[in-house]
Amino acid sequence: MALTKTTLSLTAATIGLVIAAGAALAADPAADTPGGKAVLARQAHYRELNAAFRAVNEDLRKDMPDKAAVAADVGKMKALTDDLPSWFPKGSGPEAGVKTRAKAEIWTDAAGFATAATRIQAETGKLQDAATAGDIEALKAQAKTVNGACKACHDAYRG
């Protein structure tokens, strides 16, 4: 197939439109609002929390878990869960215009959400106690409890 000037022009125009569309998506103006920035920061914090918890669970499946590594990851989890309630400022829900799975109930049922957050903080604190003690069996049991606290919150407050 011979490329003509018209074919080249159409191809260049198509590529230009694709690039422009991608740039428009990347430069979402909602992400620059306070609510949008809070959504993006919250998502980054959850990625950190999930990575730390995943590392803990992977280590606990080993025959000889690395107690120091587990303790370090649990410490990250504890610090993150202590800050978790601050990740949800008013205006950072679906109305922020940035894709989020946070349900409006976080703000309309603030007392329920606070209770769920307190439970996660308390259970992560117990996980940290077990990590400090180096008790692998207690860590395994408490990791399941922490997972349950996370799931309960997700079921109620995440879409």
N, C-alpha and C. Protein backbone atom coordinates (compact mmCIF):
# COMPACT_ATOMS: atom_id res chain seq x y z
N MET A 1 0.85 -1.17 0.00
CA MET A 1 0.00 0.00 0.00
C MET A 1 0.89 1.24 0.00
N ALA A 2 0.64 2.13 -0.94
CA ALA A 2 1.42 3.35 -1.04
C ALA A 2 0.81 4.42 -0.14
N LEU A 3 1.66 5.10 0.58
CA LEU A 3 1.18 6.18 1.44
C LEU A 3 1.11 7.46 0.64
N THR A 4 -0.04 8.08 0.66
CA THR A 4 -0.21 9.34 -0.05
C THR A 4 -0.15 10.46 0.96
N LYS A 5 -0.12 11.68 0.44
CA LYS A 5 -0.13 12.84 1.33
C LYS A 5 -1.40 12.86 2.17
N THR A 6 -2.50 12.48 1.58
CA THR A 6 -3.77 12.47 2.30
C THR A 6 -3.74 11.44 3.42
N THR A 7 -3.23 10.24 3.13
CA THR A 7 -3.15 9.19 4.15
C THR A 7 -2.25 9.64 5.29
N LEU A 8 -1.11 10.22 4.93
CA LEU A 8 -0.20 10.70 5.97
C LEU A 8 -0.83 11.80 6.80
N SER A 9 -1.56 12.69 6.17
CA SER A 9 -2.22 13.79 6.88
C SER A 9 -3.28 13.25 7.83
N LEU A 10 -4.08 12.29 7.35
CA LEU A 10 -5.11 11.69 8.20
C LEU A 10 -4.49 10.94 9.37
N THR A 11 -3.40 10.22 9.12
CA THR A 11 -2.72 9.48 10.18
C THR A 11 -2.16 10.45 11.22
N ALA A 12 -1.54 11.52 10.77
CA ALA A 12 -0.98 12.52 11.68
C ALA A 12 -2.09 13.18 12.49
N ALA A 13 -3.22 13.45 11.84
CA ALA A 13 -4.34 14.07 12.54
C ALA A 13 -4.91 13.13 13.59
N THR A 14 -5.01 11.85 13.25
CA THR A 14 -5.52 10.86 14.20
C THR A 14 -4.59 10.74 15.40
N ILE A 15 -3.31 10.66 15.14
CA ILE A 15 -2.33 10.57 16.24
C ILE A 15 -2.42 11.82 17.11
N GLY A 16 -2.57 12.96 16.50
CA GLY A 16 -2.69 14.21 17.24
C GLY A 16 -3.92 14.22 18.14
N LEU A 17 -5.04 13.72 17.63
CA LEU A 17 -6.26 13.65 18.44
C LEU A 17 -6.10 12.69 19.61
N VAL A 18 -5.46 11.56 19.37
CA VAL A 18 -5.24 10.58 20.44
C VAL A 18 -4.36 11.19 21.53
N ILE A 19 -3.30 11.87 21.13
CA ILE A 19 -2.41 12.52 22.10
C ILE A 19 -3.15 13.61 22.86
N ALA A 20 -3.94 14.40 22.17
CA ALA A 20 -4.68 15.47 22.83
C ALA A 20 -5.71 14.91 23.81
N ALA A 21 -6.38 13.83 23.43
CA ALA A 21 -7.36 13.21 24.32
C ALA A 21 -6.67 12.66 25.57
N GLY A 22 -5.52 12.03 25.39
CA GLY A 22 -4.76 11.51 26.54
C GLY A 22 -4.32 12.61 27.47
N ALA A 23 -3.86 13.72 26.89
CA ALA A 23 -3.42 14.86 27.70
C ALA A 23 -4.59 15.45 28.47
N ALA A 24 -5.76 15.50 27.83
CA ALA A 24 -6.94 16.05 28.50
C ALA A 24 -7.33 15.17 29.68
N LEU A 25 -7.24 13.85 29.50
CA LEU A 25 -7.57 12.95 30.61
C LEU A 25 -6.56 13.08 31.74
N ALA A 26 -5.28 13.20 31.41
CA ALA A 26 -4.23 13.30 32.42
C ALA A 26 -4.32 14.61 33.19
N ALA A 27 -4.78 15.64 32.53
CA ALA A 27 -4.85 16.96 33.16
C ALA A 27 -6.28 17.22 33.65
N ASP A 28 -6.84 16.29 34.42
CA ASP A 28 -8.19 16.41 34.95
C ASP A 28 -8.23 17.61 35.89
N PRO A 29 -8.99 18.63 35.54
CA PRO A 29 -9.03 19.83 36.40
C PRO A 29 -9.58 19.55 37.79
N ALA A 30 -10.42 18.53 37.93
CA ALA A 30 -10.96 18.20 39.25
C ALA A 30 -9.86 17.76 40.21
N ALA A 31 -8.77 17.19 39.65
CA ALA A 31 -7.67 16.73 40.49
C ALA A 31 -6.93 17.89 41.14
N ASP A 32 -7.13 19.10 40.64
CA ASP A 32 -6.46 20.26 41.21
C ASP A 32 -7.29 20.98 42.28
N THR A 33 -8.49 20.48 42.54
CA THR A 33 -9.31 21.08 43.58
C THR A 33 -8.92 20.49 44.94
N PRO A 34 -9.26 21.16 46.03
CA PRO A 34 -8.94 20.58 47.34
C PRO A 34 -9.53 19.17 47.52
N GLY A 35 -10.78 18.99 47.11
CA GLY A 35 -11.40 17.66 47.22
C GLY A 35 -10.70 16.64 46.36
N GLY A 36 -10.36 17.04 45.13
CA GLY A 36 -9.67 16.13 44.22
C GLY A 36 -8.29 15.75 44.74
N LYS A 37 -7.58 16.72 45.27
CA LYS A 37 -6.26 16.43 45.84
C LYS A 37 -6.37 15.48 47.03
N ALA A 38 -7.42 15.66 47.83
CA ALA A 38 -7.63 14.77 48.98
C ALA A 38 -7.92 13.35 48.52
N VAL A 39 -8.71 13.21 47.45
CA VAL A 39 -9.00 11.87 46.91
C VAL A 39 -7.70 11.20 46.47
N LEU A 40 -6.90 11.92 45.71
CA LEU A 40 -5.64 11.35 45.20
C LEU A 40 -4.68 11.01 46.34
N ALA A 41 -4.60 11.86 47.34
CA ALA A 41 -3.74 11.58 48.49
C ALA A 41 -4.24 10.35 49.25
N ARG A 42 -5.57 10.27 49.42
CA ARG A 42 -6.16 9.12 50.11
C ARG A 42 -5.83 7.83 49.37
N GLN A 43 -5.97 7.85 48.06
CA GLN A 43 -5.67 6.66 47.26
C GLN A 43 -4.20 6.26 47.41
N ALA A 44 -3.32 7.24 47.46
CA ALA A 44 -1.89 6.94 47.64
C ALA A 44 -1.65 6.33 49.02
N HIS A 45 -2.32 6.85 50.04
CA HIS A 45 -2.17 6.29 51.40
C HIS A 45 -2.67 4.85 51.45
N TYR A 46 -3.79 4.60 50.80
CA TYR A 46 -4.31 3.22 50.79
C TYR A 46 -3.38 2.27 50.04
N ARG A 47 -2.74 2.75 48.99
CA ARG A 47 -1.76 1.90 48.30
C ARG A 47 -0.62 1.54 49.25
N GLU A 48 -0.16 2.51 50.05
CA GLU A 48 0.90 2.25 51.03
C GLU A 48 0.44 1.24 52.08
N LEU A 49 -0.78 1.45 52.59
CA LEU A 49 -1.32 0.56 53.61
C LEU A 49 -1.49 -0.85 53.06
N ASN A 50 -2.03 -0.97 51.87
CA ASN A 50 -2.22 -2.28 51.26
C ASN A 50 -0.89 -2.98 51.01
N ALA A 51 0.11 -2.24 50.57
CA ALA A 51 1.43 -2.83 50.32
C ALA A 51 2.04 -3.36 51.61
N ALA A 52 1.93 -2.59 52.69
CA ALA A 52 2.48 -3.02 53.98
C ALA A 52 1.74 -4.26 54.49
N PHE A 53 0.42 -4.27 54.38
CA PHE A 53 -0.35 -5.41 54.88
C PHE A 53 -0.09 -6.65 54.01
N ARG A 54 0.03 -6.45 52.71
CA ARG A 54 0.36 -7.56 51.81
C ARG A 54 1.71 -8.17 52.19
N ALA A 55 2.69 -7.30 52.47
CA ALA A 55 4.03 -7.78 52.86
C ALA A 55 3.96 -8.57 54.17
N VAL A 56 3.16 -8.09 55.13
CA VAL A 56 3.01 -8.80 56.40
C VAL A 56 2.43 -10.19 56.14
N ASN A 57 1.35 -10.23 55.37
CA ASN A 57 0.69 -11.52 55.11
C ASN A 57 1.59 -12.48 54.34
N GLU A 58 2.35 -11.96 53.38
CA GLU A 58 3.28 -12.82 52.64
C GLU A 58 4.36 -13.38 53.56
N ASP A 59 4.86 -12.53 54.43
CA ASP A 59 5.91 -12.99 55.36
C ASP A 59 5.36 -14.03 56.33
N LEU A 60 4.13 -13.83 56.78
CA LEU A 60 3.53 -14.76 57.74
C LEU A 60 3.23 -16.12 57.12
N ARG A 61 3.19 -16.22 55.80
CA ARG A 61 2.98 -17.51 55.14
C ARG A 61 4.28 -18.32 55.01
N LYS A 62 5.40 -17.69 55.29
CA LYS A 62 6.69 -18.38 55.19
C LYS A 62 6.88 -19.31 56.39
N ASP A 63 7.74 -20.30 56.21
CA ASP A 63 8.06 -21.20 57.32
C ASP A 63 8.73 -20.44 58.46
N MET A 64 9.62 -19.51 58.08
CA MET A 64 10.35 -18.71 59.08
C MET A 64 10.15 -17.23 58.76
N PRO A 65 9.05 -16.62 59.21
CA PRO A 65 8.84 -15.20 58.93
C PRO A 65 9.96 -14.34 59.50
N ASP A 66 10.27 -13.28 58.79
CA ASP A 66 11.28 -12.32 59.23
C ASP A 66 10.59 -11.36 60.21
N LYS A 67 10.80 -11.60 61.49
CA LYS A 67 10.11 -10.83 62.53
C LYS A 67 10.41 -9.34 62.43
N ALA A 68 11.63 -8.99 62.08
CA ALA A 68 11.99 -7.57 61.97
C ALA A 68 11.25 -6.91 60.81
N ALA A 69 11.18 -7.61 59.69
CA ALA A 69 10.47 -7.07 58.52
C ALA A 69 8.98 -6.93 58.81
N VAL A 70 8.42 -7.93 59.47
CA VAL A 70 7.00 -7.88 59.83
C VAL A 70 6.76 -6.70 60.77
N ALA A 71 7.60 -6.55 61.76
CA ALA A 71 7.44 -5.45 62.72
C ALA A 71 7.52 -4.09 62.01
N ALA A 72 8.43 -3.96 61.06
CA ALA A 72 8.57 -2.70 60.32
C ALA A 72 7.31 -2.42 59.49
N ASP A 73 6.80 -3.45 58.81
CA ASP A 73 5.60 -3.25 58.00
C ASP A 73 4.37 -2.98 58.87
N VAL A 74 4.28 -3.65 60.00
CA VAL A 74 3.17 -3.40 60.91
C VAL A 74 3.27 -1.96 61.46
N GLY A 75 4.48 -1.50 61.72
CA GLY A 75 4.67 -0.12 62.16
C GLY A 75 4.16 0.88 61.13
N LYS A 76 4.41 0.60 59.85
CA LYS A 76 3.87 1.45 58.77
C LYS A 76 2.35 1.43 58.80
N MET A 77 1.81 0.22 58.95
CA MET A 77 0.35 0.09 58.99
C MET A 77 -0.24 0.89 60.14
N LYS A 78 0.37 0.80 61.31
CA LYS A 78 -0.14 1.49 62.49
C LYS A 78 -0.12 3.01 62.27
N ALA A 79 0.98 3.52 61.74
CA ALA A 79 1.07 4.96 61.48
C ALA A 79 0.01 5.40 60.47
N LEU A 80 -0.20 4.60 59.44
CA LEU A 80 -1.19 4.95 58.43
C LEU A 80 -2.60 4.89 58.99
N THR A 81 -2.93 3.84 59.73
CA THR A 81 -4.29 3.74 60.26
C THR A 81 -4.56 4.82 61.31
N ASP A 82 -3.53 5.25 62.03
CA ASP A 82 -3.73 6.35 62.98
C ASP A 82 -4.18 7.62 62.26
N ASP A 83 -3.69 7.81 61.03
CA ASP A 83 -4.04 9.00 60.25
C ASP A 83 -5.28 8.82 59.38
N LEU A 84 -5.78 7.61 59.27
CA LEU A 84 -6.85 7.29 58.34
C LEU A 84 -8.05 8.25 58.39
N PRO A 85 -8.58 8.61 59.54
CA PRO A 85 -9.75 9.50 59.53
C PRO A 85 -9.49 10.84 58.82
N SER A 86 -8.27 11.32 58.87
CA SER A 86 -7.96 12.61 58.24
C SER A 86 -7.91 12.52 56.70
N TRP A 87 -7.97 11.31 56.16
CA TRP A 87 -7.93 11.13 54.71
C TRP A 87 -9.27 11.45 54.05
N PHE A 88 -10.28 11.75 54.83
CA PHE A 88 -11.63 11.93 54.31
C PHE A 88 -12.21 13.30 54.65
N PRO A 89 -11.54 14.38 54.25
CA PRO A 89 -12.12 15.69 54.55
C PRO A 89 -13.42 15.89 53.76
N LYS A 90 -14.29 16.70 54.31
CA LYS A 90 -15.54 17.02 53.63
C LYS A 90 -15.21 17.56 52.23
N GLY A 91 -15.96 17.11 51.25
CA GLY A 91 -15.73 17.55 49.88
C GLY A 91 -14.84 16.62 49.08
N SER A 92 -14.40 15.50 49.70
CA SER A 92 -13.51 14.57 48.99
C SER A 92 -14.23 13.27 48.63
N GLY A 93 -15.55 13.35 48.56
CA GLY A 93 -16.33 12.19 48.15
C GLY A 93 -16.59 12.23 46.66
N PRO A 94 -17.66 11.60 46.22
CA PRO A 94 -17.98 11.57 44.80
C PRO A 94 -18.14 12.97 44.19
N GLU A 95 -18.54 13.93 45.01
CA GLU A 95 -18.73 15.30 44.52
C GLU A 95 -17.42 15.98 44.12
N ALA A 96 -16.28 15.40 44.48
CA ALA A 96 -14.99 16.00 44.15
C ALA A 96 -14.71 15.97 42.65
N GLY A 97 -15.40 15.09 41.93
CA GLY A 97 -15.20 15.00 40.49
C GLY A 97 -14.03 14.12 40.09
N VAL A 98 -13.40 13.47 41.06
CA VAL A 98 -12.31 12.54 40.80
C VAL A 98 -12.84 11.16 41.16
N LYS A 99 -12.51 10.16 40.35
CA LYS A 99 -13.02 8.82 40.60
C LYS A 99 -12.60 8.35 41.99
N THR A 100 -13.60 7.97 42.77
CA THR A 100 -13.36 7.48 44.12
C THR A 100 -14.40 6.42 44.44
N ARG A 101 -14.01 5.47 45.26
CA ARG A 101 -14.94 4.44 45.70
C ARG A 101 -15.53 4.77 47.07
N ALA A 102 -15.14 5.91 47.61
CA ALA A 102 -15.67 6.34 48.91
C ALA A 102 -17.15 6.65 48.77
N LYS A 103 -17.97 6.02 49.61
CA LYS A 103 -19.41 6.26 49.59
C LYS A 103 -19.75 7.53 50.36
N ALA A 104 -20.85 8.13 50.02
CA ALA A 104 -21.32 9.33 50.72
C ALA A 104 -21.58 9.05 52.20
N GLU A 105 -21.82 7.78 52.55
CA GLU A 105 -22.10 7.41 53.94
C GLU A 105 -20.94 7.74 54.89
N ILE A 106 -19.75 7.88 54.35
CA ILE A 106 -18.61 8.28 55.19
C ILE A 106 -18.92 9.59 55.89
N TRP A 107 -19.58 10.48 55.16
CA TRP A 107 -19.87 11.80 55.69
C TRP A 107 -21.27 11.89 56.27
N THR A 108 -22.23 11.13 55.71
CA THR A 108 -23.60 11.18 56.24
C THR A 108 -23.75 10.32 57.49
N ASP A 109 -22.88 9.34 57.66
CA ASP A 109 -22.86 8.49 58.87
C ASP A 109 -21.48 8.63 59.51
N ALA A 110 -21.15 9.87 59.85
CA ALA A 110 -19.81 10.15 60.38
C ALA A 110 -19.53 9.37 61.66
N ALA A 111 -20.53 9.18 62.51
CA ALA A 111 -20.31 8.44 63.75
C ALA A 111 -20.00 6.98 63.46
N GLY A 112 -20.71 6.39 62.52
CA GLY A 112 -20.45 5.00 62.15
C GLY A 112 -19.08 4.83 61.52
N PHE A 113 -18.72 5.79 60.67
CA PHE A 113 -17.40 5.73 60.04
C PHE A 113 -16.30 5.90 61.10
N ALA A 114 -16.51 6.80 62.04
CA ALA A 114 -15.52 7.01 63.12
C ALA A 114 -15.35 5.72 63.94
N THR A 115 -16.45 5.03 64.19
CA THR A 115 -16.38 3.76 64.92
C THR A 115 -15.58 2.73 64.14
N ALA A 116 -15.84 2.64 62.84
CA ALA A 116 -15.11 1.69 61.99
C ALA A 116 -13.62 2.03 61.96
N ALA A 117 -13.30 3.32 61.85
CA ALA A 117 -11.89 3.74 61.82
C ALA A 117 -11.22 3.44 63.16
N THR A 118 -11.93 3.67 64.26
CA THR A 118 -11.38 3.38 65.58
C THR A 118 -11.11 1.89 65.73
N ARG A 119 -12.01 1.06 65.19
CA ARG A 119 -11.81 -0.38 65.27
C ARG A 119 -10.54 -0.79 64.51
N ILE A 120 -10.35 -0.24 63.32
CA ILE A 120 -9.16 -0.57 62.53
C ILE A 120 -7.90 -0.13 63.28
N GLN A 121 -7.95 1.04 63.86
CA GLN A 121 -6.80 1.54 64.62
C GLN A 121 -6.50 0.62 65.81
N ALA A 122 -7.54 0.21 66.52
CA ALA A 122 -7.34 -0.65 67.70
C ALA A 122 -6.79 -2.02 67.29
N GLU A 123 -7.36 -2.59 66.24
CA GLU A 123 -6.91 -3.92 65.80
C GLU A 123 -5.49 -3.87 65.25
N THR A 124 -5.14 -2.78 64.58
CA THR A 124 -3.77 -2.63 64.09
C THR A 124 -2.82 -2.43 65.26
N GLY A 125 -3.27 -1.76 66.30
CA GLY A 125 -2.47 -1.62 67.52
C GLY A 125 -2.17 -2.98 68.15
N LYS A 126 -3.17 -3.86 68.16
CA LYS A 126 -2.96 -5.21 68.69
C LYS A 126 -1.99 -6.00 67.80
N LEU A 127 -2.09 -5.76 66.49
CA LEU A 127 -1.14 -6.40 65.57
C LEU A 127 0.27 -5.93 65.86
N GLN A 128 0.41 -4.65 66.16
CA GLN A 128 1.72 -4.10 66.49
C GLN A 128 2.24 -4.69 67.80
N ASP A 129 1.36 -4.88 68.77
CA ASP A 129 1.77 -5.50 70.04
C ASP A 129 2.31 -6.91 69.80
N ALA A 130 1.61 -7.68 68.95
CA ALA A 130 2.06 -9.04 68.64
C ALA A 130 3.39 -9.02 67.89
N ALA A 131 3.56 -8.04 67.00
CA ALA A 131 4.82 -7.93 66.26
C ALA A 131 5.96 -7.56 67.19
N THR A 132 5.71 -6.67 68.12
CA THR A 132 6.73 -6.28 69.10
C THR A 132 7.14 -7.47 69.96
N ALA A 133 6.16 -8.30 70.31
CA ALA A 133 6.44 -9.48 71.12
C ALA A 133 7.09 -10.60 70.29
N GLY A 134 7.00 -10.49 68.98
CA GLY A 134 7.58 -11.51 68.11
C GLY A 134 6.79 -12.81 68.10
N ASP A 135 5.53 -12.72 68.47
CA ASP A 135 4.66 -13.90 68.57
C ASP A 135 4.00 -14.16 67.22
N ILE A 136 4.56 -15.09 66.46
CA ILE A 136 4.10 -15.36 65.10
C ILE A 136 2.66 -15.87 65.09
N GLU A 137 2.31 -16.76 66.00
CA GLU A 137 0.93 -17.30 66.01
C GLU A 137 -0.08 -16.19 66.34
N ALA A 138 0.28 -15.32 67.28
CA ALA A 138 -0.61 -14.20 67.61
C ALA A 138 -0.70 -13.24 66.42
N LEU A 139 0.41 -13.04 65.73
CA LEU A 139 0.41 -12.18 64.54
C LEU A 139 -0.53 -12.73 63.47
N LYS A 140 -0.45 -14.04 63.24
CA LYS A 140 -1.31 -14.65 62.22
C LYS A 140 -2.78 -14.49 62.58
N ALA A 141 -3.11 -14.74 63.82
CA ALA A 141 -4.51 -14.60 64.26
C ALA A 141 -4.97 -13.15 64.17
N GLN A 142 -4.11 -12.23 64.61
CA GLN A 142 -4.50 -10.82 64.60
C GLN A 142 -4.56 -10.26 63.19
N ALA A 143 -3.74 -10.75 62.29
CA ALA A 143 -3.81 -10.30 60.89
C ALA A 143 -5.18 -10.61 60.31
N LYS A 144 -5.75 -11.76 60.67
CA LYS A 144 -7.10 -12.11 60.21
C LYS A 144 -8.13 -11.15 60.80
N THR A 145 -7.94 -10.76 62.05
CA THR A 145 -8.85 -9.83 62.70
C THR A 145 -8.76 -8.45 62.05
N VAL A 146 -7.54 -8.01 61.75
CA VAL A 146 -7.36 -6.73 61.07
C VAL A 146 -8.04 -6.78 59.70
N ASN A 147 -7.85 -7.88 58.99
CA ASN A 147 -8.49 -8.02 57.69
C ASN A 147 -10.01 -7.92 57.82
N GLY A 148 -10.56 -8.52 58.85
CA GLY A 148 -12.00 -8.42 59.09
C GLY A 148 -12.46 -7.01 59.36
N ALA A 149 -11.66 -6.25 60.11
CA ALA A 149 -11.99 -4.85 60.38
C ALA A 149 -11.95 -4.02 59.10
N CYS A 150 -10.97 -4.31 58.26
CA CYS A 150 -10.87 -3.61 56.96
C CYS A 150 -12.10 -3.94 56.11
N LYS A 151 -12.43 -5.22 56.04
CA LYS A 151 -13.56 -5.66 55.22
C LYS A 151 -14.87 -5.04 55.70
N ALA A 152 -15.08 -5.00 57.01
CA ALA A 152 -16.31 -4.42 57.55
C ALA A 152 -16.44 -2.95 57.13
N CYS A 153 -15.36 -2.23 57.19
CA CYS A 153 -15.38 -0.82 56.80
C CYS A 153 -15.64 -0.70 55.29
N HIS A 154 -14.95 -1.51 54.51
CA HIS A 154 -15.14 -1.49 53.06
C HIS A 154 -16.59 -1.83 52.69
N ASP A 155 -17.15 -2.82 53.34
CA ASP A 155 -18.53 -3.22 53.05
C ASP A 155 -19.51 -2.08 53.27
N ALA A 156 -19.28 -1.30 54.31
CA ALA A 156 -20.20 -0.22 54.64
C ALA A 156 -19.90 1.09 53.94
N TYR A 157 -18.62 1.37 53.68
CA TYR A 157 -18.24 2.72 53.26
C TYR A 157 -17.49 2.81 51.93
N ARG A 158 -17.33 1.69 51.24
CA ARG A 158 -16.63 1.72 49.96
C ARG A 158 -17.52 1.09 48.90
N GLY A 159 -17.64 1.77 47.78
CA GLY A 159 -18.47 1.25 46.67
C GLY A 159 -17.69 0.34 45.78
